[in-house]
Structures are given as C-alpha cells and as structure tokens.
C-alpha cells in the first residue's frame, strides 16, 4: 500500500480505478456530482448508476449495504431487459 505524508498528515494512496463516485453538495463549495466511469450501455454502468444514486439519496448508508442492494437491483433490471 502506497502512502504519502502531506502537511504532517499521512494519506493512503489509492490507485485502483473506480466505477463511479457521488460527491455530496457542500454549501458554497461545489455542485453535487455523480460520476460514472464506464460505458453506459453495460450492466456494470447500470449497477454503478444505481449505487451512486443510492448514495445521493442517503449518505448515511454503509458502503456494503449500498453495494449489495445496487448489484441486486442492477441484475434484476438487466435481466428484465433495461438498457440504454
């Protein structure tokens, strides 16, 4: 695991590619953002969109809960034929 100390704080450096992210709104700081980093016509993207939307709806949910539910919902919708 790579680390770097910046301004006296030790940070872990994560270099793994991500599927997406959801940045919460912060007053006066930035606009809310949902980023999907994979082709939208894939099952992976469908699951990622659901995952990040769940975060946007409730930031207090644990990552494991959001991950399990988004995969289950994404598989269900994919099997029902939902595509872009």
C-alpha atoms as a PDB file:
ATOM      1  CA  UNK A   1       0.000   0.000   0.000  1.00  0.00           C
ATOM      2  CA  UNK A   2       1.439   3.371  -1.006  1.00  0.00           C
ATOM      3  CA  UNK A   3       1.332   6.315   1.386  1.00  0.00           C
ATOM      4  CA  UNK A   4       2.376   9.954   1.360  1.00  0.00           C
ATOM      5  CA  UNK A   5       2.761  12.448   4.176  1.00  0.00           C
ATOM      6  CA  UNK A   6       1.465  15.895   3.242  1.00  0.00           C
ATOM      7  CA  UNK A   7       1.408  18.793   5.676  1.00  0.00           C
ATOM      8  CA  UNK A   8       2.032  16.371   8.546  1.00  0.00           C
ATOM      9  CA  UNK A   9      -0.875  14.062   7.658  1.00  0.00           C
ATOM     10  CA  UNK A  10      -0.273  10.518   6.379  1.00  0.00           C
ATOM     11  CA  UNK A  11      -2.504   9.655   3.413  1.00  0.00           C
ATOM     12  CA  UNK A  12      -3.080   6.259   1.840  1.00  0.00           C
ATOM     13  CA  UNK A  13      -2.756   6.493  -1.931  1.00  0.00           C
ATOM     14  CA  UNK A  14      -5.488   4.585  -3.781  1.00  0.00           C
ATOM     15  CA  UNK A  15      -4.595   3.968  -7.412  1.00  0.00           C
ATOM     16  CA  UNK A  16      -7.324   1.431  -8.205  1.00  0.00           C
ATOM     17  CA  UNK A  17      -9.692   2.521 -10.972  1.00  0.00           C
ATOM     18  CA  UNK A  18     -13.192   3.315  -9.772  1.00  0.00           C
ATOM     19  CA  UNK A  19     -16.569   2.629 -11.352  1.00  0.00           C
ATOM     20  CA  UNK A  20     -18.040   5.914 -10.181  1.00  0.00           C
ATOM     21  CA  UNK A  21     -18.447   8.379  -7.351  1.00  0.00           C
ATOM     22  CA  UNK A  22     -21.031  10.635  -5.769  1.00  0.00           C
ATOM     23  CA  UNK A  23     -19.837  13.938  -4.345  1.00  0.00           C
ATOM     24  CA  UNK A  24     -22.292  15.456  -1.873  1.00  0.00           C
ATOM     25  CA  UNK A  25     -23.281  19.098  -2.115  1.00  0.00           C
ATOM     26  CA  UNK A  26     -21.309  21.448   0.108  1.00  0.00           C
ATOM     27  CA  UNK A  27     -22.684  24.956   0.607  1.00  0.00           C
ATOM     28  CA  UNK A  28     -20.647  27.480  -1.351  1.00  0.00           C
ATOM     29  CA  UNK A  29     -18.041  24.853  -2.252  1.00  0.00           C
ATOM     30  CA  UNK A  30     -19.159  22.769  -5.214  1.00  0.00           C
ATOM     31  CA  UNK A  31     -22.141  21.478  -7.109  1.00  0.00           C
ATOM     32  CA  UNK A  32     -23.249  17.913  -6.372  1.00  0.00           C
ATOM     33  CA  UNK A  33     -21.814  15.427  -8.856  1.00  0.00           C
ATOM     34  CA  UNK A  34     -22.446  11.816  -9.825  1.00  0.00           C
ATOM     35  CA  UNK A  35     -19.660  10.426 -11.987  1.00  0.00           C
ATOM     36  CA  UNK A  36     -19.966   7.152 -13.916  1.00  0.00           C
ATOM     37  CA  UNK A  37     -16.588   5.948 -15.234  1.00  0.00           C
ATOM     38  CA  UNK A  38     -17.631   3.090 -17.512  1.00  0.00           C
ATOM     39  CA  UNK A  39     -19.568   2.764 -20.784  1.00  0.00           C
ATOM     40  CA  UNK A  40     -23.260   3.453 -20.101  1.00  0.00           C
ATOM     41  CA  UNK A  41     -24.514   0.559 -22.243  1.00  0.00           C
ATOM     42  CA  UNK A  42     -23.145  -2.094 -19.835  1.00  0.00           C
ATOM     43  CA  UNK A  43     -24.565  -3.917 -16.836  1.00  0.00           C
ATOM     44  CA  UNK A  44     -21.638  -2.566 -14.798  1.00  0.00           C
ATOM     45  CA  UNK A  45     -22.732   1.011 -15.588  1.00  0.00           C
ATOM     46  CA  UNK A  46     -26.351   0.264 -14.664  1.00  0.00           C
ATOM     47  CA  UNK A  47     -25.205  -1.072 -11.292  1.00  0.00           C
ATOM     48  CA  UNK A  48     -22.866   1.910 -10.829  1.00  0.00           C
ATOM     49  CA  UNK A  49     -25.640   4.429 -11.556  1.00  0.00           C
ATOM     50  CA  UNK A  50     -27.930   2.704  -9.035  1.00  0.00           C
ATOM     51  CA  UNK A  51     -25.087   2.552  -6.484  1.00  0.00           C
ATOM     52  CA  UNK A  52     -24.234   6.252  -6.761  1.00  0.00           C
ATOM     53  CA  UNK A  53     -27.919   7.275  -6.799  1.00  0.00           C
ATOM     54  CA  UNK A  54     -28.427   5.352  -3.557  1.00  0.00           C
ATOM     55  CA  UNK A  55     -25.535   7.286  -2.005  1.00  0.00           C
ATOM     56  CA  UNK A  56     -27.076  10.552  -3.216  1.00  0.00           C
ATOM     57  CA  UNK A  57     -30.408   9.635  -1.616  1.00  0.00           C
ATOM     58  CA  UNK A  58     -28.901   8.613   1.737  1.00  0.00           C
ATOM     59  CA  UNK A  59     -25.245   9.276   2.538  1.00  0.00           C
ATOM     60  CA  UNK A  60     -25.591   7.523   5.913  1.00  0.00           C
ATOM     61  CA  UNK A  61     -25.983   4.050   4.373  1.00  0.00           C
ATOM     62  CA  UNK A  62     -22.986   1.759   4.850  1.00  0.00           C
ATOM     63  CA  UNK A  63     -20.994   1.027   1.677  1.00  0.00           C
ATOM     64  CA  UNK A  64     -21.550  -2.737   1.945  1.00  0.00           C
ATOM     65  CA  UNK A  65     -25.329  -2.229   2.127  1.00  0.00           C
ATOM     66  CA  UNK A  66     -25.366   0.078  -0.895  1.00  0.00           C
ATOM     67  CA  UNK A  67     -23.079  -2.253  -2.832  1.00  0.00           C
ATOM     68  CA  UNK A  68     -25.201  -5.358  -2.210  1.00  0.00           C
ATOM     69  CA  UNK A  69     -28.505  -3.623  -2.974  1.00  0.00           C
ATOM     70  CA  UNK A  70     -27.234  -1.896  -6.135  1.00  0.00           C
ATOM     71  CA  UNK A  71     -25.892  -5.189  -7.510  1.00  0.00           C
ATOM     72  CA  UNK A  72     -29.171  -6.982  -6.772  1.00  0.00           C
ATOM     73  CA  UNK A  73     -31.307  -4.211  -8.319  1.00  0.00           C
ATOM     74  CA  UNK A  74     -28.948  -3.848 -11.294  1.00  0.00           C
ATOM     75  CA  UNK A  75     -29.064  -7.588 -12.045  1.00  0.00           C
ATOM     76  CA  UNK A  76     -32.858  -7.582 -11.772  1.00  0.00           C
ATOM     77  CA  UNK A  77     -33.252  -4.634 -14.152  1.00  0.00           C
ATOM     78  CA  UNK A  78     -30.654  -6.055 -16.584  1.00  0.00           C
ATOM     79  CA  UNK A  79     -32.446  -9.426 -16.648  1.00  0.00           C
ATOM     80  CA  UNK A  80     -35.729  -7.607 -17.336  1.00  0.00           C
ATOM     81  CA  UNK A  81     -34.123  -6.010 -20.396  1.00  0.00           C
ATOM     82  CA  UNK A  82     -33.338  -2.481 -19.185  1.00  0.00           C
ATOM     83  CA  UNK A  83     -30.709  -0.982 -21.493  1.00  0.00           C
ATOM     84  CA  UNK A  84     -29.706   2.381 -22.859  1.00  0.00           C
END
